[in-house]
Amino acid sequence: MDGIVAHARHQISSGKVEGTNNMIRSLRRAGYGYPDDEYFFLKTFDSSRRYSPGREAVVR
C-alpha cells in the first residue's frame, strides 16, 4: 500500500530510480581514484542532468 501511495504522490517509476542507481554505480567504477567525495558528487550531478527529459544529450 505504501508503494502505491508513493507512486500517486510523486509520479516516479522504479525504472527511473534503477537507471539513476545504475548510472551512479557505473560512475563509481569508472572513476576509481577521484580526488574526493565532493568531486564524485559533482560528476554524478552532471551526469544526471545530461540525460534529463527535455534536454538534448551533451556529447563530450
PDB file of N, CA and C in Angstrom:
ATOM      1  N   MET A   1       0.821  -1.194   0.000  1.00  0.00           N
ATOM      2  CA  MET A   1       0.000   0.000   0.000  1.00  0.00           C
ATOM      3  C   MET A   1       0.868   1.263   0.000  1.00  0.00           C
ATOM      4  N   ASP A   2       1.983   1.231   0.744  1.00  0.00           N
ATOM      5  CA  ASP A   2       2.862   2.406   0.794  1.00  0.00           C
ATOM      6  C   ASP A   2       3.428   2.738  -0.582  1.00  0.00           C
ATOM      7  N   GLY A   3       3.778   1.709  -1.349  1.00  0.00           N
ATOM      8  CA  GLY A   3       4.318   1.933  -2.683  1.00  0.00           C
ATOM      9  C   GLY A   3       3.310   2.567  -3.621  1.00  0.00           C
ATOM     10  N   ILE A   4       2.052   2.176  -3.495  1.00  0.00           N
ATOM     11  CA  ILE A   4       1.004   2.748  -4.339  1.00  0.00           C
ATOM     12  C   ILE A   4       0.782   4.217  -3.994  1.00  0.00           C
ATOM     13  N   VAL A   5       0.760   4.528  -2.711  1.00  0.00           N
ATOM     14  CA  VAL A   5       0.577   5.920  -2.279  1.00  0.00           C
ATOM     15  C   VAL A   5       1.769   6.772  -2.716  1.00  0.00           C
ATOM     16  N   ALA A   6       2.974   6.226  -2.597  1.00  0.00           N
ATOM     17  CA  ALA A   6       4.168   6.970  -3.000  1.00  0.00           C
ATOM     18  C   ALA A   6       4.140   7.254  -4.502  1.00  0.00           C
ATOM     19  N   HIS A   7       3.689   6.275  -5.296  1.00  0.00           N
ATOM     20  CA  HIS A   7       3.619   6.493  -6.738  1.00  0.00           C
ATOM     21  C   HIS A   7       2.564   7.548  -7.080  1.00  0.00           C
ATOM     22  N   ALA A   8       1.463   7.538  -6.381  1.00  0.00           N
ATOM     23  CA  ALA A   8       0.416   8.530  -6.633  1.00  0.00           C
ATOM     24  C   ALA A   8       0.878   9.934  -6.270  1.00  0.00           C
ATOM     25  N   ARG A   9       1.675  10.047  -5.246  1.00  0.00           N
ATOM     26  CA  ARG A   9       2.156  11.371  -4.820  1.00  0.00           C
ATOM     27  C   ARG A   9       3.267  11.899  -5.704  1.00  0.00           C
ATOM     28  N   HIS A  10       4.227  11.053  -6.062  1.00  0.00           N
ATOM     29  CA  HIS A  10       5.455  11.530  -6.688  1.00  0.00           C
ATOM     30  C   HIS A  10       5.577  11.235  -8.176  1.00  0.00           C
ATOM     31  N   GLN A  11       4.747  10.346  -8.715  1.00  0.00           N
ATOM     32  CA  GLN A  11       4.742  10.031 -10.150  1.00  0.00           C
ATOM     33  C   GLN A  11       6.132   9.679 -10.685  1.00  0.00           C
ATOM     34  N   ILE A  12       6.871   8.895  -9.964  1.00  0.00           N
ATOM     35  CA  ILE A  12       8.174   8.432 -10.424  1.00  0.00           C
ATOM     36  C   ILE A  12       8.149   6.908 -10.418  1.00  0.00           C
ATOM     37  N   SER A  13       8.604   6.332 -11.498  1.00  0.00           N
ATOM     38  CA  SER A  13       8.586   4.873 -11.585  1.00  0.00           C
ATOM     39  C   SER A  13       9.892   4.312 -11.034  1.00  0.00           C
ATOM     40  N   SER A  14       9.880   3.042 -10.755  1.00  0.00           N
ATOM     41  CA  SER A  14      11.103   2.416 -10.251  1.00  0.00           C
ATOM     42  C   SER A  14      12.153   2.326 -11.352  1.00  0.00           C
ATOM     43  N   GLY A  15      11.736   2.402 -12.621  1.00  0.00           N
ATOM     44  CA  GLY A  15      12.688   2.370 -13.728  1.00  0.00           C
ATOM     45  C   GLY A  15      13.636   3.553 -13.696  1.00  0.00           C
ATOM     46  N   LYS A  16      13.104   4.724 -13.402  1.00  0.00           N
ATOM     47  CA  LYS A  16      13.956   5.915 -13.324  1.00  0.00           C
ATOM     48  C   LYS A  16      14.929   5.804 -12.157  1.00  0.00           C
ATOM     49  N   VAL A  17      14.453   5.278 -11.048  1.00  0.00           N
ATOM     50  CA  VAL A  17      15.315   5.129  -9.872  1.00  0.00           C
ATOM     51  C   VAL A  17      16.412   4.106 -10.151  1.00  0.00           C
ATOM     52  N   GLU A  18      16.042   2.984 -10.771  1.00  0.00           N
ATOM     53  CA  GLU A  18      17.031   1.960 -11.098  1.00  0.00           C
ATOM     54  C   GLU A  18      18.049   2.487 -12.107  1.00  0.00           C
ATOM     55  N   GLY A  19      17.590   3.272 -13.064  1.00  0.00           N
ATOM     56  CA  GLY A  19      18.511   3.865 -14.032  1.00  0.00           C
ATOM     57  C   GLY A  19      19.495   4.813 -13.373  1.00  0.00           C
ATOM     58  N   THR A  20      19.013   5.606 -12.425  1.00  0.00           N
ATOM     59  CA  THR A  20      19.885   6.517 -11.689  1.00  0.00           C
ATOM     60  C   THR A  20      20.894   5.739 -10.849  1.00  0.00           C
ATOM     61  N   ASN A  21      20.432   4.689 -10.188  1.00  0.00           N
ATOM     62  CA  ASN A  21      21.347   3.868  -9.400  1.00  0.00           C
ATOM     63  C   ASN A  21      22.404   3.217 -10.281  1.00  0.00           C
ATOM     64  N   ASN A  22      22.017   2.757 -11.465  1.00  0.00           N
ATOM     65  CA  ASN A  22      22.976   2.146 -12.382  1.00  0.00           C
ATOM     66  C   ASN A  22      23.996   3.178 -12.857  1.00  0.00           C
ATOM     67  N   MET A  23      23.540   4.411 -13.140  1.00  0.00           N
ATOM     68  CA  MET A  23      24.447   5.464 -13.566  1.00  0.00           C
ATOM     69  C   MET A  23      25.476   5.759 -12.470  1.00  0.00           C
ATOM     70  N   ILE A  24      25.018   5.847 -11.228  1.00  0.00           N
ATOM     71  CA  ILE A  24      25.927   6.122 -10.112  1.00  0.00           C
ATOM     72  C   ILE A  24      26.914   4.979  -9.938  1.00  0.00           C
ATOM     73  N   ARG A  25      26.423   3.751 -10.059  1.00  0.00           N
ATOM     74  CA  ARG A  25      27.288   2.579  -9.908  1.00  0.00           C
ATOM     75  C   ARG A  25      28.371   2.557 -10.978  1.00  0.00           C
ATOM     76  N   SER A  26      27.997   2.859 -12.224  1.00  0.00           N
ATOM     77  CA  SER A  26      28.991   2.842 -13.294  1.00  0.00           C
ATOM     78  C   SER A  26      29.971   4.005 -13.164  1.00  0.00           C
ATOM     79  N   LEU A  27      29.502   5.174 -12.700  1.00  0.00           N
ATOM     80  CA  LEU A  27      30.418   6.293 -12.458  1.00  0.00           C
ATOM     81  C   LEU A  27      31.432   5.951 -11.370  1.00  0.00           C
ATOM     82  N   ARG A  28      30.955   5.267 -10.345  1.00  0.00           N
ATOM     83  CA  ARG A  28      31.839   4.898  -9.244  1.00  0.00           C
ATOM     84  C   ARG A  28      32.915   3.916  -9.715  1.00  0.00           C
ATOM     85  N   ARG A  29      32.514   2.968 -10.579  1.00  0.00           N
ATOM     86  CA  ARG A  29      33.508   2.017 -11.105  1.00  0.00           C
ATOM     87  C   ARG A  29      34.497   2.705 -12.026  1.00  0.00           C
ATOM     88  N   ALA A  30      33.984   3.555 -12.915  1.00  0.00           N
ATOM     89  CA  ALA A  30      34.854   4.226 -13.887  1.00  0.00           C
ATOM     90  C   ALA A  30      35.738   5.278 -13.236  1.00  0.00           C
ATOM     91  N   GLY A  31      35.284   5.829 -12.125  1.00  0.00           N
ATOM     92  CA  GLY A  31      36.005   6.937 -11.511  1.00  0.00           C
ATOM     93  C   GLY A  31      36.823   6.548 -10.312  1.00  0.00           C
ATOM     94  N   TYR A  32      37.293   5.318 -10.270  1.00  0.00           N
ATOM     95  CA  TYR A  32      38.124   4.909  -9.144  1.00  0.00           C
ATOM     96  C   TYR A  32      39.319   5.849  -9.053  1.00  0.00           C
ATOM     97  N   GLY A  33      39.492   6.468  -7.906  1.00  0.00           N
ATOM     98  CA  GLY A  33      40.609   7.371  -7.714  1.00  0.00           C
ATOM     99  C   GLY A  33      40.242   8.834  -7.852  1.00  0.00           C
ATOM    100  N   TYR A  34      38.942   9.160  -7.842  1.00  0.00           N
ATOM    101  CA  TYR A  34      38.574  10.571  -7.820  1.00  0.00           C
ATOM    102  C   TYR A  34      39.210  11.213  -6.598  1.00  0.00           C
ATOM    103  N   PRO A  35      39.603  12.487  -6.712  1.00  0.00           N
ATOM    104  CA  PRO A  35      40.330  13.118  -5.609  1.00  0.00           C
ATOM    105  C   PRO A  35      39.549  13.182  -4.292  1.00  0.00           C
ATOM    106  N   ASP A  36      38.244  13.401  -4.339  1.00  0.00           N
ATOM    107  CA  ASP A  36      37.464  13.480  -3.103  1.00  0.00           C
ATOM    108  C   ASP A  36      35.992  13.229  -3.400  1.00  0.00           C
ATOM    109  N   ASP A  37      35.202  13.120  -2.350  1.00  0.00           N
ATOM    110  CA  ASP A  37      33.781  12.824  -2.491  1.00  0.00           C
ATOM    111  C   ASP A  37      33.024  13.966  -3.157  1.00  0.00           C
ATOM    112  N   GLU A  38      33.429  15.192  -2.895  1.00  0.00           N
ATOM    113  CA  GLU A  38      32.731  16.331  -3.493  1.00  0.00           C
ATOM    114  C   GLU A  38      32.826  16.285  -5.013  1.00  0.00           C
ATOM    115  N   TYR A  39      33.982  15.914  -5.550  1.00  0.00           N
ATOM    116  CA  TYR A  39      34.156  15.799  -6.996  1.00  0.00           C
ATOM    117  C   TYR A  39      33.267  14.689  -7.549  1.00  0.00           C
ATOM    118  N   PHE A  40      33.169  13.572  -6.832  1.00  0.00           N
ATOM    119  CA  PHE A  40      32.316  12.466  -7.254  1.00  0.00           C
ATOM    120  C   PHE A  40      30.855  12.914  -7.314  1.00  0.00           C
ATOM    121  N   PHE A  41      30.390  13.645  -6.311  1.00  0.00           N
ATOM    122  CA  PHE A  41      29.011  14.119  -6.314  1.00  0.00           C
ATOM    123  C   PHE A  41      28.772  15.117  -7.442  1.00  0.00           C
ATOM    124  N   LEU A  42      29.753  15.950  -7.754  1.00  0.00           N
ATOM    125  CA  LEU A  42      29.620  16.867  -8.882  1.00  0.00           C
ATOM    126  C   LEU A  42      29.514  16.105 -10.199  1.00  0.00           C
ATOM    127  N   LYS A  43      30.321  15.061 -10.359  1.00  0.00           N
ATOM    128  CA  LYS A  43      30.247  14.228 -11.565  1.00  0.00           C
ATOM    129  C   LYS A  43      28.899  13.535 -11.662  1.00  0.00           C
ATOM    130  N   THR A  44      28.370  13.063 -10.535  1.00  0.00           N
ATOM    131  CA  THR A  44      27.067  12.410 -10.516  1.00  0.00           C
ATOM    132  C   THR A  44      25.978  13.396 -10.908  1.00  0.00           C
ATOM    133  N   PHE A  45      26.027  14.587 -10.346  1.00  0.00           N
ATOM    134  CA  PHE A  45      25.043  15.614 -10.669  1.00  0.00           C
ATOM    135  C   PHE A  45      25.108  15.984 -12.144  1.00  0.00           C
ATOM    136  N   ASP A  46      26.317  16.144 -12.677  1.00  0.00           N
ATOM    137  CA  ASP A  46      26.497  16.489 -14.080  1.00  0.00           C
ATOM    138  C   ASP A  46      25.950  15.397 -14.983  1.00  0.00           C
ATOM    139  N   SER A  47      26.201  14.147 -14.657  1.00  0.00           N
ATOM    140  CA  SER A  47      25.704  13.044 -15.475  1.00  0.00           C
ATOM    141  C   SER A  47      24.196  12.930 -15.415  1.00  0.00           C
ATOM    142  N   SER A  48      23.608  13.183 -14.257  1.00  0.00           N
ATOM    143  CA  SER A  48      22.157  13.074 -14.151  1.00  0.00           C
ATOM    144  C   SER A  48      21.473  14.188 -14.928  1.00  0.00           C
ATOM    145  N   ARG A  49      22.055  15.344 -15.000  1.00  0.00           N
ATOM    146  CA  ARG A  49      21.480  16.455 -15.763  1.00  0.00           C
ATOM    147  C   ARG A  49      21.606  16.205 -17.255  1.00  0.00           C
ATOM    148  N   ARG A  50      22.610  15.456 -17.650  1.00  0.00           N
ATOM    149  CA  ARG A  50      22.889  15.225 -19.058  1.00  0.00           C
ATOM    150  C   ARG A  50      21.769  14.452 -19.741  1.00  0.00           C
ATOM    151  N   TYR A  51      21.081  13.582 -19.012  1.00  0.00           N
ATOM    152  CA  TYR A  51      20.062  12.730 -19.615  1.00  0.00           C
ATOM    153  C   TYR A  51      18.665  13.023 -19.101  1.00  0.00           C
ATOM    154  N   SER A  52      18.437  14.194 -18.549  1.00  0.00           N
ATOM    155  CA  SER A  52      17.111  14.512 -18.038  1.00  0.00           C
ATOM    156  C   SER A  52      16.166  14.804 -19.206  1.00  0.00           C
ATOM    157  N   PRO A  53      14.874  14.531 -19.036  1.00  0.00           N
ATOM    158  CA  PRO A  53      13.916  14.772 -20.119  1.00  0.00           C
ATOM    159  C   PRO A  53      13.836  16.250 -20.459  1.00  0.00           C
ATOM    160  N   GLY A  54      13.675  16.513 -21.737  1.00  0.00           N
ATOM    161  CA  GLY A  54      13.547  17.899 -22.176  1.00  0.00           C
ATOM    162  C   GLY A  54      14.873  18.546 -22.521  1.00  0.00           C
ATOM    163  N   ARG A  55      15.958  17.848 -22.283  1.00  0.00           N
ATOM    164  CA  ARG A  55      17.281  18.380 -22.630  1.00  0.00           C
ATOM    165  C   ARG A  55      17.895  17.483 -23.675  1.00  0.00           C
ATOM    166  N   GLU A  56      18.666  18.065 -24.545  1.00  0.00           N
ATOM    167  CA  GLU A  56      19.395  17.244 -25.501  1.00  0.00           C
ATOM    168  C   GLU A  56      20.622  16.678 -24.821  1.00  0.00           C
ATOM    169  N   ALA A  57      21.021  15.494 -25.215  1.00  0.00           N
ATOM    170  CA  ALA A  57      22.200  14.861 -24.635  1.00  0.00           C
ATOM    171  C   ALA A  57      23.443  15.656 -25.010  1.00  0.00           C
ATOM    172  N   VAL A  58      24.285  15.886 -24.049  1.00  0.00           N
ATOM    173  CA  VAL A  58      25.531  16.617 -24.270  1.00  0.00           C
ATOM    174  C   VAL A  58      26.615  15.601 -24.547  1.00  0.00           C
ATOM    175  N   VAL A  59      27.271  15.712 -25.668  1.00  0.00           N
ATOM    176  CA  VAL A  59      28.336  14.774 -26.034  1.00  0.00           C
ATOM    177  C   VAL A  59      29.653  15.419 -25.720  1.00  0.00           C
ATOM    178  N   ARG A  60      30.442  14.752 -24.895  1.00  0.00           N
ATOM    179  CA  ARG A  60      31.762  15.291 -24.540  1.00  0.00           C
ATOM    180  C   ARG A  60      32.818  14.294 -24.847  1.00  0.00           C
TER     181      ARG A  60
END
